[in-house]
Amino acid sequence: MGIREQDLEGLGAVYASFEIKQTGGVDDLKDEDIGKAVKISDDNQVCLSIDGSMFLGKLVDLSLTDADSGKRVATVQIKGVMTVPITTTYPEIGDRVVGGADGTVKKAPALTGYDPAGGNIARGTVVCVNGTSECTLVM
């Protein structure tokens, strides 16, 4: 008997709804961004993570579609087990992460003097790395 496939995605998931950051009256998040890493951009607003930003969670849904008119809302997984895209510096098992460019995460830097009050902005614990494309982490 072989080893059973592990599927931890979504285990212990907690979701929150946020407004979407806009540029020139247009939402910064699109349908193609679902599954990517996001960060807080303003009061109760989210956008894709950027290099060195604090990773909030994984974008899992957008109300309406790109073709619909109206104010969209983002649903973000903020807790539990999730898989997100990665970029260099690639995280390894046991690492914590911060935002990477264009909705990715990367290995968190070591704690330094320029980290904000309360410590390093790193979040989660990496439990699986799929090459250079994605990692699974527990938040």
N, C-alpha and C. Protein backbone atom coordinates (compact mmCIF):
# COMPACT_ATOMS: atom_id res chain seq x y z
N MET A 1 0.84 -1.17 0.00
CA MET A 1 0.00 0.00 0.00
C MET A 1 0.89 1.24 0.00
N GLY A 2 0.63 2.17 -0.92
CA GLY A 2 1.43 3.38 -1.04
C GLY A 2 1.05 4.43 -0.01
N ILE A 3 1.86 5.45 0.03
CA ILE A 3 1.60 6.56 0.94
C ILE A 3 0.45 7.39 0.40
N ARG A 4 -0.47 7.72 1.30
CA ARG A 4 -1.63 8.50 0.91
C ARG A 4 -1.23 9.94 0.57
N GLU A 5 -1.79 10.48 -0.48
CA GLU A 5 -1.55 11.87 -0.90
C GLU A 5 -2.09 12.83 0.17
N GLN A 6 -1.28 13.81 0.57
CA GLN A 6 -1.70 14.80 1.56
C GLN A 6 -2.29 16.02 0.86
N ASP A 7 -3.47 16.45 1.29
CA ASP A 7 -4.08 17.66 0.76
C ASP A 7 -4.49 18.53 1.94
N LEU A 8 -3.59 19.42 2.33
CA LEU A 8 -3.84 20.26 3.49
C LEU A 8 -4.47 21.60 3.12
N GLU A 9 -4.54 21.92 1.82
CA GLU A 9 -5.03 23.22 1.35
C GLU A 9 -6.38 23.57 1.98
N GLY A 10 -6.44 24.72 2.60
CA GLY A 10 -7.69 25.19 3.18
C GLY A 10 -7.97 24.70 4.59
N LEU A 11 -7.12 23.82 5.13
CA LEU A 11 -7.32 23.31 6.48
C LEU A 11 -7.26 24.46 7.48
N GLY A 12 -8.27 24.62 8.30
CA GLY A 12 -8.31 25.68 9.30
C GLY A 12 -8.46 27.07 8.70
N ALA A 13 -9.02 27.14 7.51
CA ALA A 13 -9.09 28.42 6.79
C ALA A 13 -10.00 29.43 7.50
N VAL A 14 -9.54 30.68 7.51
CA VAL A 14 -10.33 31.82 7.97
C VAL A 14 -10.28 32.84 6.83
N TYR A 15 -11.44 33.36 6.47
CA TYR A 15 -11.54 34.28 5.34
C TYR A 15 -12.02 35.65 5.83
N ALA A 16 -11.59 36.70 5.13
CA ALA A 16 -12.03 38.06 5.43
C ALA A 16 -12.28 38.78 4.12
N SER A 17 -13.21 39.72 4.14
CA SER A 17 -13.53 40.50 2.94
C SER A 17 -12.91 41.88 3.05
N PHE A 18 -12.38 42.37 1.93
CA PHE A 18 -11.73 43.67 1.87
C PHE A 18 -12.15 44.40 0.62
N GLU A 19 -12.07 45.73 0.66
CA GLU A 19 -12.22 46.52 -0.56
C GLU A 19 -10.96 46.30 -1.39
N ILE A 20 -11.04 46.66 -2.67
CA ILE A 20 -9.91 46.49 -3.57
C ILE A 20 -9.30 47.86 -3.86
N LYS A 21 -8.00 47.96 -3.73
CA LYS A 21 -7.32 49.22 -4.06
C LYS A 21 -7.61 49.57 -5.51
N GLN A 22 -7.83 50.84 -5.77
CA GLN A 22 -8.10 51.29 -7.13
C GLN A 22 -7.05 52.29 -7.58
N THR A 23 -6.76 52.26 -8.87
CA THR A 23 -5.89 53.24 -9.51
C THR A 23 -6.70 53.89 -10.63
N GLY A 24 -6.90 55.18 -10.53
CA GLY A 24 -7.70 55.89 -11.53
C GLY A 24 -9.12 55.38 -11.63
N GLY A 25 -9.71 54.96 -10.50
CA GLY A 25 -11.08 54.48 -10.50
C GLY A 25 -11.26 53.05 -11.00
N VAL A 26 -10.16 52.33 -11.23
CA VAL A 26 -10.21 50.96 -11.72
C VAL A 26 -9.58 50.04 -10.67
N ASP A 27 -10.27 48.92 -10.36
CA ASP A 27 -9.75 47.96 -9.39
C ASP A 27 -8.38 47.44 -9.80
N ASP A 28 -7.46 47.36 -8.83
CA ASP A 28 -6.12 46.84 -9.10
C ASP A 28 -6.08 45.31 -9.16
N LEU A 29 -7.10 44.64 -8.63
CA LEU A 29 -7.16 43.18 -8.68
C LEU A 29 -8.12 42.73 -9.76
N LYS A 30 -7.73 41.71 -10.50
CA LYS A 30 -8.53 41.14 -11.59
C LYS A 30 -8.76 39.66 -11.32
N ASP A 31 -9.65 39.04 -12.09
CA ASP A 31 -9.93 37.61 -11.96
C ASP A 31 -8.66 36.77 -12.04
N GLU A 32 -7.73 37.15 -12.90
CA GLU A 32 -6.49 36.38 -13.08
C GLU A 32 -5.59 36.41 -11.85
N ASP A 33 -5.88 37.28 -10.87
CA ASP A 33 -5.07 37.38 -9.66
C ASP A 33 -5.51 36.41 -8.56
N ILE A 34 -6.63 35.73 -8.75
CA ILE A 34 -7.09 34.77 -7.75
C ILE A 34 -6.01 33.71 -7.56
N GLY A 35 -5.69 33.43 -6.30
CA GLY A 35 -4.65 32.48 -5.95
C GLY A 35 -3.32 33.13 -5.62
N LYS A 36 -3.21 34.44 -5.84
CA LYS A 36 -1.96 35.15 -5.58
C LYS A 36 -1.95 35.73 -4.16
N ALA A 37 -0.76 36.16 -3.74
CA ALA A 37 -0.56 36.77 -2.42
C ALA A 37 -0.97 38.24 -2.45
N VAL A 38 -1.61 38.69 -1.37
CA VAL A 38 -2.02 40.09 -1.27
C VAL A 38 -1.51 40.71 0.02
N LYS A 39 -1.55 42.05 0.02
CA LYS A 39 -1.15 42.83 1.19
C LYS A 39 -2.20 43.90 1.45
N ILE A 40 -2.17 44.48 2.65
CA ILE A 40 -3.02 45.62 2.97
C ILE A 40 -2.42 46.83 2.26
N SER A 41 -3.25 47.61 1.57
CA SER A 41 -2.74 48.78 0.86
C SER A 41 -3.22 50.09 1.47
N ASP A 42 -4.37 50.06 2.14
CA ASP A 42 -4.94 51.24 2.79
C ASP A 42 -6.00 50.72 3.75
N ASP A 43 -6.77 51.61 4.38
CA ASP A 43 -7.79 51.18 5.32
C ASP A 43 -8.73 50.17 4.67
N ASN A 44 -8.69 48.92 5.16
CA ASN A 44 -9.56 47.84 4.70
C ASN A 44 -9.48 47.62 3.19
N GLN A 45 -8.33 47.90 2.57
CA GLN A 45 -8.13 47.66 1.13
C GLN A 45 -6.95 46.74 0.92
N VAL A 46 -7.03 45.91 -0.14
CA VAL A 46 -5.93 45.02 -0.49
C VAL A 46 -5.51 45.20 -1.94
N CYS A 47 -4.27 44.79 -2.20
CA CYS A 47 -3.73 44.75 -3.55
C CYS A 47 -2.69 43.63 -3.57
N LEU A 48 -2.14 43.33 -4.75
CA LEU A 48 -1.11 42.29 -4.84
C LEU A 48 0.08 42.64 -3.97
N SER A 49 0.73 41.63 -3.42
CA SER A 49 1.93 41.87 -2.63
C SER A 49 3.02 42.45 -3.52
N ILE A 50 3.89 43.21 -2.91
CA ILE A 50 5.06 43.76 -3.60
C ILE A 50 6.30 43.37 -2.81
N ASP A 51 7.44 43.53 -3.41
CA ASP A 51 8.70 43.09 -2.81
C ASP A 51 8.91 43.68 -1.41
N GLY A 52 9.03 42.80 -0.42
CA GLY A 52 9.29 43.20 0.95
C GLY A 52 8.08 43.63 1.75
N SER A 53 6.89 43.53 1.16
CA SER A 53 5.67 43.94 1.88
C SER A 53 5.24 42.88 2.89
N MET A 54 4.33 43.27 3.80
CA MET A 54 3.78 42.30 4.74
C MET A 54 2.70 41.49 4.03
N PHE A 55 2.89 40.20 3.96
CA PHE A 55 1.97 39.27 3.33
C PHE A 55 0.74 39.11 4.22
N LEU A 56 -0.45 39.44 3.69
CA LEU A 56 -1.69 39.30 4.44
C LEU A 56 -2.30 37.92 4.27
N GLY A 57 -2.37 37.45 3.01
CA GLY A 57 -2.99 36.17 2.75
C GLY A 57 -3.16 35.92 1.26
N LYS A 58 -3.98 34.94 0.95
CA LYS A 58 -4.20 34.50 -0.43
C LYS A 58 -5.56 34.98 -0.93
N LEU A 59 -5.55 35.63 -2.10
CA LEU A 59 -6.79 36.05 -2.74
C LEU A 59 -7.52 34.81 -3.23
N VAL A 60 -8.75 34.58 -2.71
CA VAL A 60 -9.49 33.38 -3.10
C VAL A 60 -10.74 33.65 -3.91
N ASP A 61 -11.22 34.91 -3.90
CA ASP A 61 -12.42 35.21 -4.67
C ASP A 61 -12.56 36.72 -4.83
N LEU A 62 -13.25 37.11 -5.90
CA LEU A 62 -13.65 38.50 -6.13
C LEU A 62 -15.13 38.50 -6.43
N SER A 63 -15.87 39.40 -5.78
CA SER A 63 -17.29 39.50 -6.11
C SER A 63 -17.40 40.03 -7.53
N LEU A 64 -18.47 39.71 -8.20
CA LEU A 64 -18.66 40.09 -9.61
C LEU A 64 -17.53 39.49 -10.46
N THR A 65 -17.43 39.90 -11.70
CA THR A 65 -16.34 39.49 -12.58
C THR A 65 -15.77 40.73 -13.24
N ASP A 66 -14.67 40.56 -13.96
CA ASP A 66 -14.06 41.69 -14.67
C ASP A 66 -15.07 42.35 -15.61
N ALA A 67 -16.00 41.58 -16.14
CA ALA A 67 -16.97 42.09 -17.12
C ALA A 67 -18.14 42.82 -16.47
N ASP A 68 -18.36 42.62 -15.15
CA ASP A 68 -19.48 43.26 -14.46
C ASP A 68 -19.10 44.67 -14.02
N SER A 69 -20.10 45.53 -13.94
CA SER A 69 -19.85 46.87 -13.41
C SER A 69 -20.28 46.89 -11.95
N GLY A 70 -19.65 47.72 -11.17
CA GLY A 70 -19.99 47.81 -9.75
C GLY A 70 -18.75 47.68 -8.90
N LYS A 71 -18.90 47.94 -7.62
CA LYS A 71 -17.80 47.88 -6.67
C LYS A 71 -17.55 46.44 -6.26
N ARG A 72 -16.36 45.94 -6.57
CA ARG A 72 -16.01 44.56 -6.24
C ARG A 72 -15.44 44.46 -4.83
N VAL A 73 -15.52 43.27 -4.26
CA VAL A 73 -14.98 42.98 -2.94
C VAL A 73 -14.07 41.77 -3.07
N ALA A 74 -12.93 41.80 -2.36
CA ALA A 74 -11.98 40.69 -2.38
C ALA A 74 -12.17 39.81 -1.15
N THR A 75 -12.19 38.50 -1.34
CA THR A 75 -12.18 37.56 -0.23
C THR A 75 -10.77 37.00 -0.13
N VAL A 76 -10.19 37.12 1.07
CA VAL A 76 -8.80 36.73 1.29
C VAL A 76 -8.74 35.69 2.39
N GLN A 77 -8.00 34.59 2.13
CA GLN A 77 -7.74 33.62 3.18
C GLN A 77 -6.61 34.18 4.02
N ILE A 78 -6.89 34.45 5.31
CA ILE A 78 -5.91 35.08 6.18
C ILE A 78 -5.33 34.13 7.23
N LYS A 79 -5.85 32.93 7.31
CA LYS A 79 -5.38 31.94 8.29
C LYS A 79 -5.60 30.55 7.73
N GLY A 80 -4.84 29.60 8.22
CA GLY A 80 -4.96 28.22 7.80
C GLY A 80 -3.82 27.83 6.88
N VAL A 81 -4.01 26.71 6.17
CA VAL A 81 -3.00 26.20 5.24
C VAL A 81 -3.34 26.71 3.85
N MET A 82 -2.35 27.30 3.17
CA MET A 82 -2.58 27.85 1.83
C MET A 82 -1.34 27.68 0.97
N THR A 83 -1.56 27.62 -0.34
CA THR A 83 -0.48 27.53 -1.31
C THR A 83 -0.48 28.81 -2.14
N VAL A 84 0.69 29.45 -2.23
CA VAL A 84 0.82 30.71 -2.96
C VAL A 84 2.07 30.67 -3.84
N PRO A 85 2.10 31.49 -4.90
CA PRO A 85 3.27 31.56 -5.77
C PRO A 85 4.48 32.15 -5.03
N ILE A 86 5.68 31.71 -5.43
CA ILE A 86 6.91 32.20 -4.81
C ILE A 86 7.85 32.85 -5.84
N THR A 87 8.78 33.62 -5.32
CA THR A 87 9.82 34.23 -6.14
C THR A 87 11.12 34.20 -5.36
N THR A 88 12.21 34.61 -6.00
CA THR A 88 13.50 34.62 -5.29
C THR A 88 13.46 35.71 -4.23
N THR A 89 14.02 35.53 -3.16
CA THR A 89 14.75 34.43 -2.58
C THR A 89 13.73 33.36 -2.17
N TYR A 90 13.84 32.15 -2.80
CA TYR A 90 12.85 31.11 -2.58
C TYR A 90 12.88 30.63 -1.14
N PRO A 91 11.70 30.46 -0.53
CA PRO A 91 11.66 29.94 0.84
C PRO A 91 11.95 28.45 0.85
N GLU A 92 12.37 27.99 2.02
CA GLU A 92 12.61 26.56 2.26
C GLU A 92 11.72 26.12 3.40
N ILE A 93 11.62 24.82 3.60
CA ILE A 93 10.81 24.26 4.68
C ILE A 93 11.21 24.91 6.00
N GLY A 94 10.22 25.38 6.76
CA GLY A 94 10.46 25.99 8.05
C GLY A 94 10.66 27.49 8.01
N ASP A 95 10.88 28.06 6.82
CA ASP A 95 11.06 29.51 6.70
C ASP A 95 9.74 30.23 6.93
N ARG A 96 9.85 31.51 7.23
CA ARG A 96 8.71 32.42 7.23
C ARG A 96 8.80 33.24 5.96
N VAL A 97 7.72 33.94 5.58
CA VAL A 97 7.71 34.65 4.30
C VAL A 97 7.27 36.10 4.45
N VAL A 98 7.64 36.89 3.43
CA VAL A 98 7.16 38.26 3.24
C VAL A 98 6.70 38.35 1.79
N GLY A 99 6.06 39.45 1.45
CA GLY A 99 5.60 39.65 0.09
C GLY A 99 6.75 39.70 -0.90
N GLY A 100 6.49 39.14 -2.08
CA GLY A 100 7.41 39.23 -3.20
C GLY A 100 6.72 40.06 -4.28
N ALA A 101 7.37 40.23 -5.40
CA ALA A 101 6.81 41.04 -6.49
C ALA A 101 5.58 40.38 -7.11
N ASP A 102 4.62 41.20 -7.54
CA ASP A 102 3.48 40.77 -8.35
C ASP A 102 2.67 39.62 -7.76
N GLY A 103 2.34 39.68 -6.48
CA GLY A 103 1.47 38.68 -5.88
C GLY A 103 2.14 37.38 -5.52
N THR A 104 3.42 37.43 -5.18
CA THR A 104 4.16 36.25 -4.75
C THR A 104 4.64 36.47 -3.32
N VAL A 105 5.27 35.43 -2.75
CA VAL A 105 5.96 35.56 -1.47
C VAL A 105 7.39 35.10 -1.66
N LYS A 106 8.24 35.46 -0.70
CA LYS A 106 9.64 35.04 -0.74
C LYS A 106 10.12 34.84 0.69
N LYS A 107 11.30 34.24 0.83
CA LYS A 107 11.89 33.99 2.15
C LYS A 107 12.05 35.31 2.88
N ALA A 108 11.62 35.34 4.14
CA ALA A 108 11.73 36.55 4.94
C ALA A 108 13.18 36.83 5.29
N PRO A 109 13.55 38.11 5.34
CA PRO A 109 14.91 38.45 5.75
C PRO A 109 15.08 38.24 7.25
N ALA A 110 16.32 38.22 7.69
CA ALA A 110 16.60 38.11 9.12
C ALA A 110 16.15 39.38 9.83
N LEU A 111 15.79 39.25 11.09
CA LEU A 111 15.36 40.39 11.89
C LEU A 111 16.48 41.44 11.91
N THR A 112 16.10 42.69 11.63
CA THR A 112 17.09 43.78 11.58
C THR A 112 16.56 44.99 12.31
N GLY A 113 17.40 46.01 12.41
CA GLY A 113 17.03 47.23 13.11
C GLY A 113 15.95 48.03 12.43
N TYR A 114 15.72 47.81 11.13
CA TYR A 114 14.71 48.61 10.44
C TYR A 114 13.34 47.94 10.38
N ASP A 115 13.17 46.82 11.05
CA ASP A 115 11.85 46.21 11.11
C ASP A 115 10.93 47.06 11.97
N PRO A 116 9.62 47.03 11.71
CA PRO A 116 8.69 47.90 12.44
C PRO A 116 8.57 47.51 13.90
N ALA A 117 7.97 48.39 14.68
CA ALA A 117 7.72 48.08 16.09
C ALA A 117 6.97 46.76 16.18
N GLY A 118 7.36 45.94 17.10
CA GLY A 118 6.72 44.64 17.24
C GLY A 118 7.49 43.53 16.56
N GLY A 119 8.52 43.86 15.80
CA GLY A 119 9.36 42.82 15.24
C GLY A 119 9.26 42.68 13.74
N ASN A 120 9.77 41.58 13.26
CA ASN A 120 9.85 41.28 11.83
C ASN A 120 8.45 41.11 11.24
N ILE A 121 8.28 41.53 9.98
CA ILE A 121 6.98 41.42 9.31
C ILE A 121 6.73 40.03 8.72
N ALA A 122 7.66 39.10 8.93
CA ALA A 122 7.52 37.74 8.39
C ALA A 122 6.27 37.07 8.96
N ARG A 123 5.65 36.22 8.12
CA ARG A 123 4.44 35.52 8.54
C ARG A 123 4.50 34.07 8.11
N GLY A 124 3.71 33.24 8.76
CA GLY A 124 3.54 31.85 8.38
C GLY A 124 4.75 30.98 8.60
N THR A 125 4.57 29.68 8.33
CA THR A 125 5.66 28.71 8.36
C THR A 125 5.51 27.84 7.13
N VAL A 126 6.55 27.79 6.30
CA VAL A 126 6.52 27.00 5.07
C VAL A 126 6.61 25.52 5.42
N VAL A 127 5.66 24.71 4.88
CA VAL A 127 5.65 23.27 5.14
C VAL A 127 5.93 22.46 3.89
N CYS A 128 5.89 23.09 2.71
CA CYS A 128 6.15 22.39 1.45
C CYS A 128 6.56 23.41 0.39
N VAL A 129 7.54 23.06 -0.44
CA VAL A 129 7.97 23.92 -1.53
C VAL A 129 7.90 23.10 -2.81
N ASN A 130 7.22 23.65 -3.82
CA ASN A 130 7.09 22.99 -5.13
C ASN A 130 8.03 23.69 -6.11
N GLY A 131 9.29 23.26 -6.11
CA GLY A 131 10.28 23.82 -7.01
C GLY A 131 10.44 25.32 -6.83
N THR A 132 10.31 26.05 -7.93
CA THR A 132 10.43 27.51 -7.88
C THR A 132 9.10 28.17 -8.24
N SER A 133 7.99 27.41 -8.10
CA SER A 133 6.70 27.98 -8.49
C SER A 133 5.79 28.34 -7.33
N GLU A 134 5.76 27.53 -6.26
CA GLU A 134 4.83 27.80 -5.17
C GLU A 134 5.27 27.14 -3.89
N CYS A 135 4.72 27.62 -2.78
CA CYS A 135 4.96 26.97 -1.49
C CYS A 135 3.64 26.88 -0.74
N THR A 136 3.57 25.93 0.16
CA THR A 136 2.43 25.76 1.04
C THR A 136 2.89 26.17 2.43
N LEU A 137 2.07 26.98 3.09
CA LEU A 137 2.44 27.45 4.40
C LEU A 137 1.25 27.43 5.35
N VAL A 138 1.57 27.42 6.63
CA VAL A 138 0.56 27.49 7.68
C VAL A 138 0.61 28.88 8.26
N MET A 139 -0.52 29.55 8.25
CA MET A 139 -0.60 30.91 8.82
C MET A 139 -1.25 30.84 10.18
